[in-house]
């Protein structure tokens, strides 16, 4: 990770230890998504979260919050018992919103599927929690970072063809899923200087076709998923296993082609504020530079 990435990440979560300037009673909110939870902490309002979803693990302080279930098994009774004055939802919770409304629990639906939506969600949360200045500063930093990344992009013809693969080195290609256009991960890849191999897909998360992969082999495969490794030896073993599996199915995989990149960790793929740090890390990896995952 570069020095400026470290500075950004440190500044991003400085709010965990510095109280806000507004003297307002804290809201009792519940968050139903990891991205929203990260945003709330990033604007300095993490102490106002009464509970979070089962999948909210970042920042570490979020893991200490009470749980209200997952995407498809949200515990409404638990939410009611917490008596929140705001429920933070995503568009995937469209069935939950009317249930909460009938129980007199106000909610706010915040999409975060693209970079513009991420920025808009941060700014809206700033309004909700009385942290407009902090939210505006955060989104301004992210926009500046994106501009810097764009200035460093190689010419279009030099950008590698990249397959974003939803799986680990142990995953098989049977029924495997990739990342297509119109997604946050696609935008992250393009900002990092890659060309999405599935850029012409009609689906945001298409099932992979071995025929297409054989016809147009990617220069880079980014594996999305799994826990961080303990050491470099684990990464080496993972790459060896991945090459064996992919070569057995596709044939074109060799010892040094395509380049394998592993993006791992609980929050590495969350469309929250720290996505920009991972975008720069991915840019370094696509450029062939050594880079430690944040």
Protein backbone atom coordinates (compact mmCIF):
# COMPACT_ATOMS: atom_id res chain seq x y z
CA UNK A 1 0.00 0.00 0.00
CA UNK A 2 1.37 3.45 -0.89
CA UNK A 3 1.99 6.20 1.62
CA UNK A 4 -0.97 8.24 0.47
CA UNK A 5 -3.22 5.18 0.75
CA UNK A 6 -2.12 4.67 4.33
CA UNK A 7 -2.78 8.34 5.11
CA UNK A 8 -6.23 8.17 3.51
CA UNK A 9 -7.22 5.01 5.38
CA UNK A 10 -5.98 6.43 8.67
CA UNK A 11 -7.88 9.65 8.11
CA UNK A 12 -10.97 7.78 7.04
CA UNK A 13 -11.34 6.10 10.39
CA UNK A 14 -9.95 8.86 12.58
CA UNK A 15 -13.59 9.58 13.25
CA UNK A 16 -13.77 6.43 15.34
CA UNK A 17 -11.78 8.22 18.02
CA UNK A 18 -12.79 11.85 17.55
CA UNK A 19 -16.24 13.02 18.56
CA UNK A 20 -18.26 15.28 16.29
CA UNK A 21 -18.72 18.98 16.93
CA UNK A 22 -22.51 18.99 16.97
CA UNK A 23 -24.18 18.80 20.38
CA UNK A 24 -27.19 16.77 19.32
CA UNK A 25 -28.79 13.74 20.92
CA UNK A 26 -27.43 10.63 19.14
CA UNK A 27 -29.85 8.85 16.86
CA UNK A 28 -30.59 5.17 17.45
CA UNK A 29 -30.23 3.75 13.98
CA UNK A 30 -29.95 0.23 12.64
CA UNK A 31 -27.97 -0.64 9.52
CA UNK A 32 -28.92 -3.52 7.26
CA UNK A 33 -25.81 -3.56 5.03
CA UNK A 34 -22.01 -3.54 5.44
CA UNK A 35 -21.56 -0.61 3.05
CA UNK A 36 -23.97 1.59 4.99
CA UNK A 37 -22.36 0.62 8.28
CA UNK A 38 -18.91 1.55 7.00
CA UNK A 39 -20.23 4.88 5.75
CA UNK A 40 -21.84 5.73 9.09
CA UNK A 41 -18.59 5.05 10.93
CA UNK A 42 -16.63 7.00 8.33
CA UNK A 43 -18.66 10.16 8.96
CA UNK A 44 -18.20 9.83 12.72
CA UNK A 45 -21.64 8.51 13.64
CA UNK A 46 -20.79 4.92 14.49
CA UNK A 47 -21.81 5.42 18.10
CA UNK A 48 -25.36 6.08 16.92
CA UNK A 49 -25.79 2.62 15.46
CA UNK A 50 -27.85 0.53 17.84
CA UNK A 51 -27.38 -2.60 15.71
CA UNK A 52 -26.04 -3.81 12.38
CA UNK A 53 -26.53 -6.74 10.03
CA UNK A 54 -24.84 -10.10 10.55
CA UNK A 55 -22.39 -9.29 7.74
CA UNK A 56 -21.19 -5.94 9.07
CA UNK A 57 -17.61 -6.55 10.16
CA UNK A 58 -15.85 -3.36 9.14
CA UNK A 59 -14.56 -1.29 10.77
CA UNK A 60 -13.71 -3.63 13.67
CA UNK A 61 -15.95 -1.61 15.99
CA UNK A 62 -18.95 -2.66 13.91
CA UNK A 63 -18.39 -6.28 14.89
CA UNK A 64 -19.15 -5.35 18.49
CA UNK A 65 -22.65 -4.09 17.69
CA UNK A 66 -25.82 -6.16 18.27
CA UNK A 67 -27.01 -8.10 15.21
CA UNK A 68 -30.33 -7.97 13.36
CA UNK A 69 -29.87 -10.80 10.83
CA UNK A 70 -28.91 -10.89 7.19
CA UNK A 71 -30.37 -9.76 3.89
CA UNK A 72 -33.11 -12.39 3.69
CA UNK A 73 -33.62 -13.12 7.38
CA UNK A 74 -33.73 -9.68 8.99
CA UNK A 75 -35.08 -10.01 12.52
CA UNK A 76 -37.88 -7.45 12.62
CA UNK A 77 -38.77 -8.31 16.20
CA UNK A 78 -35.21 -7.55 17.24
CA UNK A 79 -35.35 -4.21 15.43
CA UNK A 80 -38.59 -3.29 17.18
CA UNK A 81 -37.10 -4.20 20.56
CA UNK A 82 -34.18 -1.84 19.92
CA UNK A 83 -36.61 1.05 19.33
CA UNK A 84 -34.57 2.78 16.62
CA UNK A 85 -35.53 6.14 15.19
CA UNK A 86 -34.09 5.25 11.78
CA UNK A 87 -33.50 2.07 9.80
CA UNK A 88 -30.92 2.28 7.02
CA UNK A 89 -31.92 0.07 4.10
CA UNK A 90 -30.74 -0.79 0.59
CA UNK A 91 -32.98 -1.30 -2.46
CA UNK A 92 -32.70 -5.04 -1.75
CA UNK A 93 -34.80 -4.47 1.37
CA UNK A 94 -37.89 -3.30 -0.51
CA UNK A 95 -40.10 -5.80 1.34
CA UNK A 96 -38.74 -4.75 4.72
CA UNK A 97 -39.52 -1.06 4.33
CA UNK A 98 -43.34 -1.34 4.43
CA UNK A 99 -43.15 -3.73 7.39
CA UNK A 100 -41.12 -1.21 9.34
CA UNK A 101 -43.38 1.63 8.27
CA UNK A 102 -46.39 -0.25 9.61
CA UNK A 103 -44.52 -0.56 12.90
CA UNK A 104 -43.86 3.21 12.95
CA UNK A 105 -40.13 2.79 12.36
CA UNK A 106 -38.91 5.35 9.80
CA UNK A 107 -36.38 4.16 7.25
CA UNK A 108 -34.05 5.53 4.60
CA UNK A 109 -33.23 3.54 1.47
CA UNK A 110 -29.75 4.23 0.12
CA UNK A 111 -28.52 2.53 -3.06
CA UNK A 112 -24.76 1.96 -3.29
CA UNK A 113 -24.26 -0.08 -6.45
CA UNK A 114 -22.11 2.44 -8.33
CA UNK A 115 -19.49 5.02 -7.40
CA UNK A 116 -21.90 7.98 -7.83
CA UNK A 117 -24.38 6.18 -5.58
CA UNK A 118 -21.69 5.56 -2.97
CA UNK A 119 -20.84 9.26 -2.91
CA UNK A 120 -24.50 10.26 -2.78
CA UNK A 121 -25.17 7.80 0.06
CA UNK A 122 -22.29 9.21 2.13
CA UNK A 123 -23.56 12.74 1.67
CA UNK A 124 -27.15 11.75 2.49
CA UNK A 125 -25.99 9.99 5.66
CA UNK A 126 -24.12 13.16 6.55
CA UNK A 127 -27.42 15.04 6.36
CA UNK A 128 -29.26 12.41 8.40
CA UNK A 129 -26.69 12.31 11.18
CA UNK A 130 -25.81 16.00 11.24
CA UNK A 131 -22.34 15.32 9.86
CA UNK A 132 -22.56 17.22 6.58
CA UNK A 133 -19.08 18.72 6.77
CA UNK A 134 -17.39 15.41 7.49
CA UNK A 135 -19.34 13.67 4.74
CA UNK A 136 -18.55 16.43 2.25
CA UNK A 137 -14.85 16.28 3.12
CA UNK A 138 -14.83 12.51 2.71
CA UNK A 139 -16.52 12.55 -0.69
CA UNK A 140 -14.27 15.39 -1.84
CA UNK A 141 -11.22 13.28 -0.92
CA UNK A 142 -12.60 10.29 -2.82
CA UNK A 143 -13.28 12.42 -5.91
CA UNK A 144 -9.75 13.85 -5.83
CA UNK A 145 -8.35 10.34 -5.48
CA UNK A 146 -10.35 9.17 -8.49
CA UNK A 147 -9.01 12.09 -10.53
CA UNK A 148 -5.44 11.17 -9.59
CA UNK A 149 -6.05 7.56 -10.61
CA UNK A 150 -7.53 8.68 -13.93
CA UNK A 151 -4.47 10.83 -14.62
CA UNK A 152 -2.26 7.75 -14.18
CA UNK A 153 -4.29 5.48 -16.46
CA UNK A 154 -2.37 3.87 -19.34
CA UNK A 155 -3.62 4.35 -22.91
CA UNK A 156 -6.74 2.30 -23.65
CA UNK A 157 -4.89 -0.11 -25.95
CA UNK A 158 -2.38 -0.91 -23.18
CA UNK A 159 -4.92 -1.78 -20.50
CA UNK A 160 -5.07 -5.47 -19.61
CA UNK A 161 -8.19 -7.57 -20.18
CA UNK A 162 -9.35 -8.56 -16.71
CA UNK A 163 -11.78 -11.21 -15.54
CA UNK A 164 -13.35 -10.45 -12.17
CA UNK A 165 -14.18 -13.86 -10.75
CA UNK A 166 -16.53 -14.27 -7.79
CA UNK A 167 -14.71 -17.10 -6.05
CA UNK A 168 -11.48 -18.30 -4.52
CA UNK A 169 -8.70 -20.59 -5.66
CA UNK A 170 -10.83 -23.53 -4.49
CA UNK A 171 -13.84 -22.57 -6.59
CA UNK A 172 -14.65 -24.50 -9.74
CA UNK A 173 -15.70 -23.05 -13.07
CA UNK A 174 -18.97 -24.96 -13.02
CA UNK A 175 -21.77 -22.41 -12.52
CA UNK A 176 -19.12 -19.78 -11.77
CA UNK A 177 -20.10 -16.09 -11.75
CA UNK A 178 -18.18 -13.10 -13.06
CA UNK A 179 -18.65 -9.36 -12.78
CA UNK A 180 -20.20 -7.47 -15.67
CA UNK A 181 -20.85 -3.79 -16.45
CA UNK A 182 -23.02 -1.44 -14.41
CA UNK A 183 -21.57 -2.62 -11.11
CA UNK A 184 -19.41 -1.03 -8.46
CA UNK A 185 -16.72 -3.66 -9.02
CA UNK A 186 -16.65 -2.94 -12.76
CA UNK A 187 -16.18 0.76 -12.03
CA UNK A 188 -13.45 -0.09 -9.55
CA UNK A 189 -11.66 -2.16 -12.19
CA UNK A 190 -11.86 0.52 -14.85
CA UNK A 191 -10.63 3.20 -12.42
CA UNK A 192 -7.68 0.91 -11.67
CA UNK A 193 -6.71 0.75 -15.34
CA UNK A 194 -8.22 -2.55 -16.44
CA UNK A 195 -10.61 -3.57 -19.19
CA UNK A 196 -13.43 -5.78 -18.06
CA UNK A 197 -13.39 -8.99 -20.10
CA UNK A 198 -17.17 -9.13 -19.58
CA UNK A 199 -17.80 -5.49 -20.51
CA UNK A 200 -20.38 -6.50 -23.14
CA UNK A 201 -22.37 -8.73 -20.82
CA UNK A 202 -26.08 -7.98 -20.52
CA UNK A 203 -26.10 -9.11 -16.89
CA UNK A 204 -24.29 -7.39 -14.02
CA UNK A 205 -23.16 -10.76 -12.64
CA UNK A 206 -23.17 -13.23 -15.56
CA UNK A 207 -22.47 -16.92 -15.42
CA UNK A 208 -19.08 -17.59 -16.97
CA UNK A 209 -18.80 -19.36 -20.30
CA UNK A 210 -15.69 -21.49 -20.77
CA UNK A 211 -16.09 -21.05 -24.52
CA UNK A 212 -15.83 -17.28 -24.19
CA UNK A 213 -12.80 -17.55 -21.90
CA UNK A 214 -11.02 -19.86 -24.33
CA UNK A 215 -11.83 -17.58 -27.26
CA UNK A 216 -10.68 -14.41 -25.44
CA UNK A 217 -8.31 -15.37 -22.62
CA UNK A 218 -7.93 -12.69 -19.94
CA UNK A 219 -4.57 -11.13 -19.20
CA UNK A 220 -5.44 -11.00 -15.51
CA UNK A 221 -7.86 -12.95 -13.33
CA UNK A 222 -8.91 -11.27 -10.09
CA UNK A 223 -10.28 -13.73 -7.54
CA UNK A 224 -12.81 -12.02 -5.28
CA UNK A 225 -13.39 -13.75 -1.97
CA UNK A 226 -11.87 -15.63 0.93
CA UNK A 227 -10.14 -14.75 4.16
CA UNK A 228 -6.76 -12.97 4.14
CA UNK A 229 -3.74 -15.25 4.11
CA UNK A 230 -1.42 -15.64 7.04
CA UNK A 231 1.74 -15.47 4.95
CA UNK A 232 3.21 -15.51 1.45
CA UNK A 233 3.44 -19.30 1.49
CA UNK A 234 -0.37 -19.52 1.65
CA UNK A 235 -0.67 -17.19 -1.32
CA UNK A 236 1.80 -19.29 -3.31
CA UNK A 237 -0.12 -22.49 -2.55
CA UNK A 238 -3.39 -20.80 -3.50
CA UNK A 239 -2.03 -19.64 -6.84
CA UNK A 240 -0.64 -23.10 -7.60
CA UNK A 241 -4.03 -24.68 -6.85
CA UNK A 242 -5.88 -22.09 -8.93
CA UNK A 243 -3.61 -22.64 -11.94
CA UNK A 244 -4.08 -26.40 -11.74
CA UNK A 245 -7.87 -26.09 -11.60
CA UNK A 246 -8.13 -23.49 -14.36
CA UNK A 247 -5.68 -25.22 -16.67
CA UNK A 248 -7.57 -28.51 -16.32
CA UNK A 249 -10.75 -26.79 -17.53
CA UNK A 250 -9.45 -24.22 -20.01
CA UNK A 251 -6.04 -25.36 -21.20
CA UNK A 252 -4.54 -21.92 -21.86
CA UNK A 253 -3.41 -21.33 -18.26
CA UNK A 254 0.35 -21.66 -17.84
CA UNK A 255 2.81 -21.01 -15.07
CA UNK A 256 2.91 -17.28 -15.81
CA UNK A 257 -0.27 -16.59 -17.82
CA UNK A 258 -2.68 -15.10 -17.02
CA UNK A 259 -1.59 -13.01 -14.06
CA UNK A 260 -3.53 -13.99 -10.91
CA UNK A 261 -4.61 -11.39 -8.34
CA UNK A 262 -6.40 -12.30 -5.11
CA UNK A 263 -8.62 -9.70 -3.44
CA UNK A 264 -9.54 -11.13 -0.06
CA UNK A 265 -11.01 -10.02 3.26
CA UNK A 266 -14.34 -9.19 4.86
CA UNK A 267 -14.60 -5.65 3.52
CA UNK A 268 -12.40 -5.73 0.43
CA UNK A 269 -15.43 -5.81 -1.88
CA UNK A 270 -17.79 -3.61 0.11
CA UNK A 271 -18.96 -0.49 -1.76
CA UNK A 272 -18.02 1.74 1.14
CA UNK A 273 -15.57 4.65 1.43
CA UNK A 274 -12.46 2.47 1.63
CA UNK A 275 -13.13 1.11 -1.87
CA UNK A 276 -10.79 3.81 -3.14
CA UNK A 277 -7.85 2.31 -1.23
CA UNK A 278 -8.50 -1.08 -2.82
CA UNK A 279 -8.85 0.58 -6.22
CA UNK A 280 -5.36 2.03 -5.95
CA UNK A 281 -4.03 -1.32 -4.73
CA UNK A 282 -5.61 -3.01 -7.75
CA UNK A 283 -4.11 -0.35 -10.04
CA UNK A 284 -0.67 -1.19 -8.68
CA UNK A 285 -1.24 -4.91 -9.19
CA UNK A 286 -2.46 -4.43 -12.76
CA UNK A 287 0.62 -2.34 -13.46
CA UNK A 288 2.79 -5.20 -12.25
CA UNK A 289 3.96 -3.37 -9.14
CA UNK A 290 4.45 -5.09 -5.78
CA UNK A 291 1.69 -4.04 -3.42
CA UNK A 292 0.48 -5.31 -0.08
CA UNK A 293 -3.27 -5.60 0.20
CA UNK A 294 -4.61 -2.94 2.58
